[in-house]
Amino acid sequence: MKIVQIIGGLGNQMFQYSLALALRKRYGNEVAVDTCFFRGYPLHNHYEIDKIFHATLPVASKREVRNAFRLLVGHYNLSRIYKHCMPCKKTEYREKQATAFNPNVLEDQRATYYDGYWQDHRYLIDVKDDILREFVWRQPLTGKNAELFQQLASGNSVSIHYRGGDYVNHPTFGGICDVDYYKRAIAQIAPCMRPGTLVAIFSNDIATCKEHLCPLLKDCQVVFVDWNQGADSHLDMRLMTACQTNIVANSSFSWWGAFLNQRKDHVVVAPKRWTRNGQTAQRCLPDWLRV
């Protein structure tokens, strides 16, 4: 059996789950996901894929994970200690966030355990149709979200994802999608932005967006989407998929908002660099504009 560990926020989970879909397409149904390590995990909303989407991949039992991989199983802190102290097994692939594409991950036919983020589009581009079938939201939109989705989907619209907070001084992701990046991104699409263009801004730092982004959007109709919190945060991603243009942060969350967008006139603007440390994962799709 091939087992893919799932951990992190929703965007990270979707990359890991997509690797499992790619493995299932190559090797059949002996593929499962491991959600054991959300026990003790202090961040985000735990495993969300099966609650939000029509997920079909099975969740591996503790026994299956133990047989396939290790004795220490079922707790996030134990897994961190294990990885720090123990070498990687021959039937295990470990990947640190943002590392380069490894073709062996897809080509190794052995029963294997996969521990990583797998945030390179080459892991999933051959299963895009499978991903689109899998990542279909379970619940219909209601209220303000349903109204805004219809407005975004029916005309010239832009989503902007600005991630402040923990990202501002982050050693890997901080300082890349700063105000200058959004100035360049907005300038890139300015010729297509007619007066009255609907711009939806998604952020955990609305104050910074109002101060620095609003002056760049004087002729636009700006909406700050600040009502989807906690377990409803995934609805922001769903709204992003309705926009004609997505300006994404170096964040897996808005990456997926852009990837799942199926508008025929769709444009994505993304940063040239994704991390500060020169790691070489190819996250952006070839047709995305990079500034």
C-alpha atoms as a PDB file:
ATOM      1  CA  MET A   1       0.000   0.000   0.000  1.00  0.00           C
ATOM      2  CA  LYS A   2       1.069   3.571  -0.687  1.00  0.00           C
ATOM      3  CA  ILE A   3       0.188   6.031   2.079  1.00  0.00           C
ATOM      4  CA  VAL A   4       0.410   9.830   1.886  1.00  0.00           C
ATOM      5  CA  GLN A   5       0.562  11.826   5.100  1.00  0.00           C
ATOM      6  CA  ILE A   6      -1.871  14.743   5.368  1.00  0.00           C
ATOM      7  CA  ILE A   7      -0.966  17.660   7.639  1.00  0.00           C
ATOM      8  CA  GLY A   8      -1.150  21.472   7.615  1.00  0.00           C
ATOM      9  CA  GLY A   9      -3.820  23.898   6.494  1.00  0.00           C
ATOM     10  CA  LEU A  10      -6.311  23.315   3.706  1.00  0.00           C
ATOM     11  CA  GLY A  11      -4.015  24.349   0.842  1.00  0.00           C
ATOM     12  CA  ASN A  12      -1.238  22.028   2.030  1.00  0.00           C
ATOM     13  CA  GLN A  13      -3.720  19.207   2.515  1.00  0.00           C
ATOM     14  CA  MET A  14      -4.930  19.635  -1.064  1.00  0.00           C
ATOM     15  CA  PHE A  15      -1.395  19.285  -2.456  1.00  0.00           C
ATOM     16  CA  GLN A  16      -0.798  16.131  -0.430  1.00  0.00           C
ATOM     17  CA  TYR A  17      -4.172  14.680  -1.369  1.00  0.00           C
ATOM     18  CA  SER A  18      -3.454  15.431  -5.037  1.00  0.00           C
ATOM     19  CA  LEU A  19      -0.215  13.465  -4.850  1.00  0.00           C
ATOM     20  CA  ALA A  20      -2.279  10.541  -3.573  1.00  0.00           C
ATOM     21  CA  LEU A  21      -4.618  10.957  -6.559  1.00  0.00           C
ATOM     22  CA  ALA A  22      -1.612  10.895  -8.908  1.00  0.00           C
ATOM     23  CA  LEU A  23      -0.365   7.701  -7.260  1.00  0.00           C
ATOM     24  CA  ARG A  24      -3.796   6.094  -7.461  1.00  0.00           C
ATOM     25  CA  LYS A  25      -3.970   6.833 -11.175  1.00  0.00           C
ATOM     26  CA  ARG A  26      -0.638   5.072 -11.699  1.00  0.00           C
ATOM     27  CA  TYR A  27      -0.906   2.178  -9.256  1.00  0.00           C
ATOM     28  CA  GLY A  28      -4.589   1.521  -8.670  1.00  0.00           C
ATOM     29  CA  ASN A  29      -6.643   1.578  -5.512  1.00  0.00           C
ATOM     30  CA  GLU A  30      -3.942   0.531  -3.023  1.00  0.00           C
ATOM     31  CA  VAL A  31      -3.459   4.189  -2.046  1.00  0.00           C
ATOM     32  CA  ALA A  32      -4.673   5.865   1.143  1.00  0.00           C
ATOM     33  CA  VAL A  33      -4.100   9.033   3.149  1.00  0.00           C
ATOM     34  CA  ASP A  34      -2.836   9.194   6.720  1.00  0.00           C
ATOM     35  CA  THR A  35      -4.537  11.726   9.019  1.00  0.00           C
ATOM     36  CA  CYS A  36      -3.170  10.352  12.296  1.00  0.00           C
ATOM     37  CA  PHE A  37      -0.837  13.250  12.958  1.00  0.00           C
ATOM     38  CA  PHE A  38      -3.557  15.824  13.439  1.00  0.00           C
ATOM     39  CA  ARG A  39      -3.642  14.539  16.991  1.00  0.00           C
ATOM     40  CA  GLY A  40      -1.603  17.142  18.847  1.00  0.00           C
ATOM     41  CA  TYR A  41      -1.393  19.460  15.827  1.00  0.00           C
ATOM     42  CA  PRO A  42      -1.894  23.023  17.125  1.00  0.00           C
ATOM     43  CA  LEU A  43      -2.778  24.892  13.922  1.00  0.00           C
ATOM     44  CA  HIS A  44      -5.619  25.284  11.402  1.00  0.00           C
ATOM     45  CA  ASN A  45      -8.800  23.198  11.288  1.00  0.00           C
ATOM     46  CA  HIS A  46      -7.420  19.646  11.276  1.00  0.00           C
ATOM     47  CA  TYR A  47      -8.306  17.332   8.373  1.00  0.00           C
ATOM     48  CA  GLU A  48     -10.791  19.194   6.165  1.00  0.00           C
ATOM     49  CA  ILE A  49     -10.764  17.499   2.770  1.00  0.00           C
ATOM     50  CA  ASP A  50     -13.568  15.044   3.486  1.00  0.00           C
ATOM     51  CA  LYS A  51     -15.705  17.701   5.180  1.00  0.00           C
ATOM     52  CA  ILE A  52     -15.435  20.265   2.393  1.00  0.00           C
ATOM     53  CA  PHE A  53     -15.129  18.187  -0.785  1.00  0.00           C
ATOM     54  CA  HIS A  54     -16.518  14.955  -2.196  1.00  0.00           C
ATOM     55  CA  ALA A  55     -13.347  13.062  -1.270  1.00  0.00           C
ATOM     56  CA  THR A  56     -13.074   9.416  -2.331  1.00  0.00           C
ATOM     57  CA  LEU A  57      -9.624   8.355  -1.102  1.00  0.00           C
ATOM     58  CA  PRO A  58      -9.725   6.115   1.980  1.00  0.00           C
ATOM     59  CA  VAL A  59      -8.082   7.096   5.249  1.00  0.00           C
ATOM     60  CA  ALA A  60      -5.473   4.557   6.355  1.00  0.00           C
ATOM     61  CA  SER A  61      -5.960   2.880   9.701  1.00  0.00           C
ATOM     62  CA  LYS A  62      -3.325   3.194  12.418  1.00  0.00           C
ATOM     63  CA  ARG A  63      -2.452  -0.440  11.867  1.00  0.00           C
ATOM     64  CA  GLU A  64      -1.902   0.097   8.146  1.00  0.00           C
ATOM     65  CA  VAL A  65       0.323   3.097   8.832  1.00  0.00           C
ATOM     66  CA  ARG A  66       2.277   1.198  11.485  1.00  0.00           C
ATOM     67  CA  ASN A  67       2.797  -1.768   9.202  1.00  0.00           C
ATOM     68  CA  ALA A  68       3.850   0.417   6.296  1.00  0.00           C
ATOM     69  CA  PHE A  69       6.035   2.901   8.063  1.00  0.00           C
ATOM     70  CA  ARG A  70       6.850   3.215  11.753  1.00  0.00           C
ATOM     71  CA  LEU A  71       6.089   2.313  15.334  1.00  0.00           C
ATOM     72  CA  LEU A  72       5.608   5.895  16.462  1.00  0.00           C
ATOM     73  CA  VAL A  73       2.229   6.771  15.081  1.00  0.00           C
ATOM     74  CA  GLY A  74      -0.734   8.905  15.917  1.00  0.00           C
ATOM     75  CA  HIS A  75       0.667  12.143  17.376  1.00  0.00           C
ATOM     76  CA  TYR A  76       2.149  15.211  15.690  1.00  0.00           C
ATOM     77  CA  ASN A  77       4.842  15.886  18.312  1.00  0.00           C
ATOM     78  CA  LEU A  78       6.002  12.257  18.276  1.00  0.00           C
ATOM     79  CA  SER A  79       6.347  12.399  14.499  1.00  0.00           C
ATOM     80  CA  ARG A  80       8.562  15.493  14.732  1.00  0.00           C
ATOM     81  CA  ILE A  81      10.825  13.810  17.265  1.00  0.00           C
ATOM     82  CA  TYR A  82      10.963  10.682  15.132  1.00  0.00           C
ATOM     83  CA  LYS A  83      11.971  12.558  11.987  1.00  0.00           C
ATOM     84  CA  HIS A  84      14.642  14.487  13.874  1.00  0.00           C
ATOM     85  CA  CYS A  85      16.196  11.383  15.391  1.00  0.00           C
ATOM     86  CA  MET A  86      15.689   8.636  12.834  1.00  0.00           C
ATOM     87  CA  PRO A  87      17.029   8.324   9.289  1.00  0.00           C
ATOM     88  CA  CYS A  88      14.667   8.084   6.367  1.00  0.00           C
ATOM     89  CA  LYS A  89      13.649   4.519   5.571  1.00  0.00           C
ATOM     90  CA  LYS A  90      14.114   3.025   2.116  1.00  0.00           C
ATOM     91  CA  THR A  91      10.333   2.798   1.721  1.00  0.00           C
ATOM     92  CA  GLU A  92       9.761   6.385   2.816  1.00  0.00           C
ATOM     93  CA  TYR A  93       9.935   9.699   0.984  1.00  0.00           C
ATOM     94  CA  ARG A  94      10.454  12.750   3.159  1.00  0.00           C
ATOM     95  CA  GLU A  95      10.289  16.205   1.680  1.00  0.00           C
ATOM     96  CA  LYS A  96      10.837  19.543   3.317  1.00  0.00           C
ATOM     97  CA  GLN A  97       8.523  22.340   2.247  1.00  0.00           C
ATOM     98  CA  ALA A  98       9.346  23.904  -1.136  1.00  0.00           C
ATOM     99  CA  THR A  99      12.015  21.435  -2.242  1.00  0.00           C
ATOM    100  CA  ALA A 100      12.543  20.448  -5.860  1.00  0.00           C
ATOM    101  CA  PHE A 101      10.518  17.963  -7.874  1.00  0.00           C
ATOM    102  CA  ASN A 102      11.601  14.339  -7.442  1.00  0.00           C
ATOM    103  CA  PRO A 103      10.351  12.087 -10.271  1.00  0.00           C
ATOM    104  CA  ASN A 104      11.045   8.989  -8.157  1.00  0.00           C
ATOM    105  CA  VAL A 105       8.129   9.963  -5.945  1.00  0.00           C
ATOM    106  CA  LEU A 106       5.767   9.057  -8.771  1.00  0.00           C
ATOM    107  CA  GLU A 107       7.793   6.261 -10.356  1.00  0.00           C
ATOM    108  CA  ASP A 108       8.689   4.137  -7.322  1.00  0.00           C
ATOM    109  CA  GLN A 109       6.452   1.055  -7.495  1.00  0.00           C
ATOM    110  CA  ARG A 110       7.097  -0.196  -3.954  1.00  0.00           C
ATOM    111  CA  ALA A 111       4.754   0.126  -1.005  1.00  0.00           C
ATOM    112  CA  THR A 112       5.830   3.538   0.260  1.00  0.00           C
ATOM    113  CA  TYR A 113       5.044   6.209   2.843  1.00  0.00           C
ATOM    114  CA  TYR A 114       5.086   9.868   1.674  1.00  0.00           C
ATOM    115  CA  ASP A 115       5.823  12.626   4.197  1.00  0.00           C
ATOM    116  CA  GLY A 116       5.967  16.085   2.637  1.00  0.00           C
ATOM    117  CA  TYR A 117       4.092  18.925   0.977  1.00  0.00           C
ATOM    118  CA  TRP A 118       4.640  18.089  -2.722  1.00  0.00           C
ATOM    119  CA  GLN A 119       3.939  21.660  -3.857  1.00  0.00           C
ATOM    120  CA  ASP A 120       5.253  21.368  -7.389  1.00  0.00           C
ATOM    121  CA  HIS A 121       2.750  21.395 -10.256  1.00  0.00           C
ATOM    122  CA  ARG A 122       4.583  18.534 -11.971  1.00  0.00           C
ATOM    123  CA  TYR A 123       3.289  16.111  -9.332  1.00  0.00           C
ATOM    124  CA  LEU A 124      -0.315  16.835 -10.236  1.00  0.00           C
ATOM    125  CA  ILE A 125      -0.597  18.260 -13.736  1.00  0.00           C
ATOM    126  CA  ASP A 126      -1.350  14.835 -15.277  1.00  0.00           C
ATOM    127  CA  VAL A 127      -4.288  14.342 -12.913  1.00  0.00           C
ATOM    128  CA  LYS A 128      -5.868  17.782 -13.216  1.00  0.00           C
ATOM    129  CA  ASP A 129      -9.193  16.320 -14.359  1.00  0.00           C
ATOM    130  CA  ASP A 130      -9.178  13.894 -11.417  1.00  0.00           C
ATOM    131  CA  ILE A 131      -8.486  16.779  -9.039  1.00  0.00           C
ATOM    132  CA  LEU A 132     -11.327  18.864 -10.462  1.00  0.00           C
ATOM    133  CA  ARG A 133     -13.706  15.935 -10.022  1.00  0.00           C
ATOM    134  CA  GLU A 134     -12.532  15.363  -6.454  1.00  0.00           C
ATOM    135  CA  PHE A 135     -12.432  18.951  -5.220  1.00  0.00           C
ATOM    136  CA  VAL A 136     -16.122  19.722  -5.659  1.00  0.00           C
ATOM    137  CA  TRP A 137     -17.685  21.494  -2.688  1.00  0.00           C
ATOM    138  CA  ARG A 138     -20.249  19.506  -0.721  1.00  0.00           C
ATOM    139  CA  GLN A 139     -22.503  22.356   0.348  1.00  0.00           C
ATOM    140  CA  PRO A 140     -24.184  25.064  -1.761  1.00  0.00           C
ATOM    141  CA  LEU A 141     -23.273  28.667  -1.102  1.00  0.00           C
ATOM    142  CA  THR A 142     -25.731  30.767   0.856  1.00  0.00           C
ATOM    143  CA  GLY A 143     -26.255  34.374   1.875  1.00  0.00           C
ATOM    144  CA  LYS A 144     -23.528  36.910   1.123  1.00  0.00           C
ATOM    145  CA  ASN A 145     -21.231  34.254  -0.325  1.00  0.00           C
ATOM    146  CA  ALA A 146     -23.813  33.112  -2.879  1.00  0.00           C
ATOM    147  CA  GLU A 147     -24.542  36.703  -3.878  1.00  0.00           C
ATOM    148  CA  LEU A 148     -20.883  37.669  -4.234  1.00  0.00           C
ATOM    149  CA  PHE A 149     -20.013  34.473  -6.130  1.00  0.00           C
ATOM    150  CA  GLN A 150     -22.647  35.274  -8.734  1.00  0.00           C
ATOM    151  CA  GLN A 151     -21.390  38.846  -9.087  1.00  0.00           C
ATOM    152  CA  LEU A 152     -17.777  37.711  -9.461  1.00  0.00           C
ATOM    153  CA  ALA A 153     -18.625  34.974 -11.953  1.00  0.00           C
ATOM    154  CA  SER A 154     -20.794  37.132 -14.194  1.00  0.00           C
ATOM    155  CA  GLY A 155     -18.379  39.885 -15.161  1.00  0.00           C
ATOM    156  CA  ASN A 156     -14.968  41.517 -15.041  1.00  0.00           C
ATOM    157  CA  SER A 157     -13.691  40.607 -11.568  1.00  0.00           C
ATOM    158  CA  VAL A 158     -10.418  40.277  -9.694  1.00  0.00           C
ATOM    159  CA  SER A 159      -9.435  38.476  -6.505  1.00  0.00           C
ATOM    160  CA  ILE A 160      -6.470  39.713  -4.470  1.00  0.00           C
ATOM    161  CA  HIS A 161      -5.050  37.571  -1.679  1.00  0.00           C
ATOM    162  CA  TYR A 162      -2.843  39.450   0.763  1.00  0.00           C
ATOM    163  CA  ARG A 163      -1.423  37.375   3.581  1.00  0.00           C
ATOM    164  CA  GLY A 164      -0.110  39.379   6.497  1.00  0.00           C
ATOM    165  CA  GLY A 165       0.103  38.259  10.092  1.00  0.00           C
ATOM    166  CA  ASP A 166       2.348  35.206  10.363  1.00  0.00           C
ATOM    167  CA  TYR A 167       3.743  35.753   6.862  1.00  0.00           C
ATOM    168  CA  VAL A 168       5.238  39.221   7.401  1.00  0.00           C
ATOM    169  CA  ASN A 169       8.374  38.021   9.194  1.00  0.00           C
ATOM    170  CA  HIS A 170       8.249  34.363   8.187  1.00  0.00           C
ATOM    171  CA  PRO A 171      11.797  33.060   7.525  1.00  0.00           C
ATOM    172  CA  THR A 172      10.732  31.214   4.367  1.00  0.00           C
ATOM    173  CA  PHE A 173       7.758  33.126   2.937  1.00  0.00           C
ATOM    174  CA  GLY A 174       8.004  36.628   4.395  1.00  0.00           C
ATOM    175  CA  GLY A 175       8.908  39.753   2.419  1.00  0.00           C
ATOM    176  CA  ILE A 176       8.017  38.385  -1.028  1.00  0.00           C
ATOM    177  CA  CYS A 177       4.399  39.415  -1.540  1.00  0.00           C
ATOM    178  CA  ASP A 178       4.818  42.883  -0.093  1.00  0.00           C
ATOM    179  CA  VAL A 179       3.025  46.042  -1.208  1.00  0.00           C
ATOM    180  CA  ASP A 180       5.421  46.458  -4.138  1.00  0.00           C
ATOM    181  CA  TYR A 181       4.451  43.031  -5.443  1.00  0.00           C
ATOM    182  CA  TYR A 182       0.772  44.008  -5.483  1.00  0.00           C
ATOM    183  CA  LYS A 183       1.616  47.285  -7.223  1.00  0.00           C
ATOM    184  CA  ARG A 184       3.370  45.324  -9.982  1.00  0.00           C
ATOM    185  CA  ALA A 185       0.577  42.760 -10.170  1.00  0.00           C
ATOM    186  CA  ILE A 186      -2.178  45.377 -10.447  1.00  0.00           C
ATOM    187  CA  ALA A 187      -0.146  47.305 -13.055  1.00  0.00           C
ATOM    188  CA  GLN A 188       0.157  44.066 -15.062  1.00  0.00           C
ATOM    189  CA  ILE A 189      -3.618  43.707 -15.396  1.00  0.00           C
ATOM    190  CA  ALA A 190      -4.514  47.425 -15.401  1.00  0.00           C
ATOM    191  CA  PRO A 191      -5.192  47.561 -19.187  1.00  0.00           C
ATOM    192  CA  CYS A 192      -7.994  45.007 -18.697  1.00  0.00           C
ATOM    193  CA  MET A 193      -9.548  46.630 -15.657  1.00  0.00           C
ATOM    194  CA  ARG A 194     -12.478  48.743 -16.742  1.00  0.00           C
ATOM    195  CA  PRO A 195     -14.024  51.343 -14.387  1.00  0.00           C
ATOM    196  CA  GLY A 196     -16.290  49.538 -11.971  1.00  0.00           C
ATOM    197  CA  THR A 197     -14.346  46.265 -12.052  1.00  0.00           C
ATOM    198  CA  LEU A 198     -15.327  44.205  -9.013  1.00  0.00           C
ATOM    199  CA  VAL A 199     -12.288  43.476  -6.838  1.00  0.00           C
ATOM    200  CA  ALA A 200     -12.601  41.028  -3.935  1.00  0.00           C
ATOM    201  CA  ILE A 201      -9.806  41.316  -1.380  1.00  0.00           C
ATOM    202  CA  PHE A 202      -9.083  38.371   0.915  1.00  0.00           C
ATOM    203  CA  SER A 203      -6.741  38.996   3.806  1.00  0.00           C
ATOM    204  CA  ASN A 204      -5.965  38.499   7.463  1.00  0.00           C
ATOM    205  CA  ASP A 205      -4.771  42.133   7.525  1.00  0.00           C
ATOM    206  CA  ILE A 206      -7.565  44.263   6.090  1.00  0.00           C
ATOM    207  CA  ALA A 207      -6.100  47.467   7.566  1.00  0.00           C
ATOM    208  CA  THR A 208      -2.940  47.166   5.451  1.00  0.00           C
ATOM    209  CA  CYS A 209      -5.022  46.448   2.348  1.00  0.00           C
ATOM    210  CA  LYS A 210      -7.179  49.520   2.902  1.00  0.00           C
ATOM    211  CA  GLU A 211      -4.115  51.695   3.390  1.00  0.00           C
ATOM    212  CA  HIS A 212      -1.940  50.439   0.541  1.00  0.00           C
ATOM    213  CA  LEU A 213      -4.107  48.612  -2.009  1.00  0.00           C
ATOM    214  CA  CYS A 214      -7.228  50.760  -2.167  1.00  0.00           C
ATOM    215  CA  PRO A 215      -5.325  53.761  -3.626  1.00  0.00           C
ATOM    216  CA  LEU A 216      -4.316  51.479  -6.524  1.00  0.00           C
ATOM    217  CA  LEU A 217      -7.956  50.539  -7.199  1.00  0.00           C
ATOM    218  CA  LYS A 218      -9.608  53.972  -7.332  1.00  0.00           C
ATOM    219  CA  ASP A 219     -11.970  53.229 -10.226  1.00  0.00           C
ATOM    220  CA  CYS A 220     -12.916  49.752  -8.993  1.00  0.00           C
ATOM    221  CA  GLN A 221     -15.674  48.410  -6.808  1.00  0.00           C
ATOM    222  CA  VAL A 222     -13.786  46.907  -3.865  1.00  0.00           C
ATOM    223  CA  VAL A 223     -15.209  44.309  -1.489  1.00  0.00           C
ATOM    224  CA  PHE A 224     -13.291  43.151   1.584  1.00  0.00           C
ATOM    225  CA  VAL A 225     -14.294  39.548   2.202  1.00  0.00           C
ATOM    226  CA  ASP A 226     -13.881  39.368   5.958  1.00  0.00           C
ATOM    227  CA  TRP A 227     -16.838  37.277   7.059  1.00  0.00           C
ATOM    228  CA  ASN A 228     -15.602  33.712   6.424  1.00  0.00           C
ATOM    229  CA  GLN A 229     -13.759  32.722   9.581  1.00  0.00           C
ATOM    230  CA  GLY A 230     -12.574  29.502  11.223  1.00  0.00           C
ATOM    231  CA  ALA A 231     -14.184  26.414   9.733  1.00  0.00           C
ATOM    232  CA  ASP A 232     -15.787  28.602   7.031  1.00  0.00           C
ATOM    233  CA  SER A 233     -12.455  29.962   5.747  1.00  0.00           C
ATOM    234  CA  HIS A 234     -12.516  27.580   2.777  1.00  0.00           C
ATOM    235  CA  LEU A 235     -15.380  29.626   1.331  1.00  0.00           C
ATOM    236  CA  ASP A 236     -12.853  32.351   0.479  1.00  0.00           C
ATOM    237  CA  MET A 237     -11.088  29.884  -1.808  1.00  0.00           C
ATOM    238  CA  ARG A 238     -14.396  29.054  -3.442  1.00  0.00           C
ATOM    239  CA  LEU A 239     -15.076  32.726  -4.140  1.00  0.00           C
ATOM    240  CA  MET A 240     -11.616  33.092  -5.709  1.00  0.00           C
ATOM    241  CA  THR A 241     -12.516  30.436  -8.268  1.00  0.00           C
ATOM    242  CA  ALA A 242     -15.258  32.697  -9.675  1.00  0.00           C
ATOM    243  CA  CYS A 243     -13.000  35.604 -10.628  1.00  0.00           C
ATOM    244  CA  GLN A 244     -11.732  36.477 -14.083  1.00  0.00           C
ATOM    245  CA  THR A 245      -8.311  37.323 -12.625  1.00  0.00           C
ATOM    246  CA  ASN A 246      -6.587  35.931  -9.542  1.00  0.00           C
ATOM    247  CA  ILE A 247      -3.698  37.832  -7.969  1.00  0.00           C
ATOM    248  CA  VAL A 248      -2.264  35.207  -5.646  1.00  0.00           C
ATOM    249  CA  ALA A 249       0.073  35.420  -2.688  1.00  0.00           C
ATOM    250  CA  ASN A 250       2.904  32.939  -2.162  1.00  0.00           C
ATOM    251  CA  SER A 251       0.336  30.861  -0.338  1.00  0.00           C
ATOM    252  CA  SER A 252      -1.034  27.419  -1.095  1.00  0.00           C
ATOM    253  CA  PHE A 253      -4.527  28.696  -0.245  1.00  0.00           C
ATOM    254  CA  SER A 254      -4.775  31.235  -3.076  1.00  0.00           C
ATOM    255  CA  TRP A 255      -2.764  28.904  -5.346  1.00  0.00           C
ATOM    256  CA  TRP A 256      -5.678  26.492  -5.151  1.00  0.00           C
ATOM    257  CA  GLY A 257      -8.203  29.280  -5.644  1.00  0.00           C
ATOM    258  CA  ALA A 258      -6.466  29.961  -8.961  1.00  0.00           C
ATOM    259  CA  PHE A 259      -5.924  26.321  -9.956  1.00  0.00           C
ATOM    260  CA  LEU A 260      -9.588  25.405  -9.445  1.00  0.00           C
ATOM    261  CA  ASN A 261     -10.775  28.421 -11.424  1.00  0.00           C
ATOM    262  CA  GLN A 262     -12.365  27.142 -14.645  1.00  0.00           C
ATOM    263  CA  ARG A 263     -13.327  30.425 -16.326  1.00  0.00           C
ATOM    264  CA  LYS A 264     -12.259  30.378 -19.968  1.00  0.00           C
ATOM    265  CA  ASP A 265     -11.018  33.983 -19.787  1.00  0.00           C
ATOM    266  CA  HIS A 266      -9.050  33.251 -16.628  1.00  0.00           C
ATOM    267  CA  VAL A 267      -5.763  35.075 -15.825  1.00  0.00           C
ATOM    268  CA  VAL A 268      -3.461  34.362 -12.874  1.00  0.00           C
ATOM    269  CA  VAL A 269      -0.775  36.732 -11.590  1.00  0.00           C
ATOM    270  CA  ALA A 270       1.767  35.191  -9.208  1.00  0.00           C
ATOM    271  CA  PRO A 271       5.124  36.164  -7.675  1.00  0.00           C
ATOM    272  CA  LYS A 272       8.320  35.246  -9.511  1.00  0.00           C
ATOM    273  CA  ARG A 273       9.775  33.928  -6.268  1.00  0.00           C
ATOM    274  CA  TRP A 274       7.811  31.809  -3.827  1.00  0.00           C
ATOM    275  CA  THR A 275      10.338  31.526  -1.004  1.00  0.00           C
ATOM    276  CA  ARG A 276      13.266  33.489   0.391  1.00  0.00           C
ATOM    277  CA  ASN A 277      15.756  30.634   0.470  1.00  0.00           C
ATOM    278  CA  GLY A 278      16.123  29.749  -3.204  1.00  0.00           C
ATOM    279  CA  GLN A 279      14.322  26.408  -3.088  1.00  0.00           C
ATOM    280  CA  THR A 280      13.322  25.294  -6.544  1.00  0.00           C
ATOM    281  CA  ALA A 281       9.832  23.795  -6.508  1.00  0.00           C
ATOM    282  CA  GLN A 282       7.915  24.871  -9.622  1.00  0.00           C
ATOM    283  CA  ARG A 283       4.614  25.918  -8.148  1.00  0.00           C
ATOM    284  CA  CYS A 284       3.307  28.218 -10.862  1.00  0.00           C
ATOM    285  CA  LEU A 285       1.698  26.792 -13.967  1.00  0.00           C
ATOM    286  CA  PRO A 286       3.363  27.724 -17.273  1.00  0.00           C
ATOM    287  CA  ASP A 287       0.534  30.056 -18.361  1.00  0.00           C
ATOM    288  CA  TRP A 288       0.479  32.084 -15.134  1.00  0.00           C
ATOM    289  CA  LEU A 289       1.916  35.610 -15.290  1.00  0.00           C
ATOM    290  CA  ARG A 290       4.793  36.085 -12.879  1.00  0.00           C
ATOM    291  CA  VAL A 291       5.828  39.518 -11.636  1.00  0.00           C
END
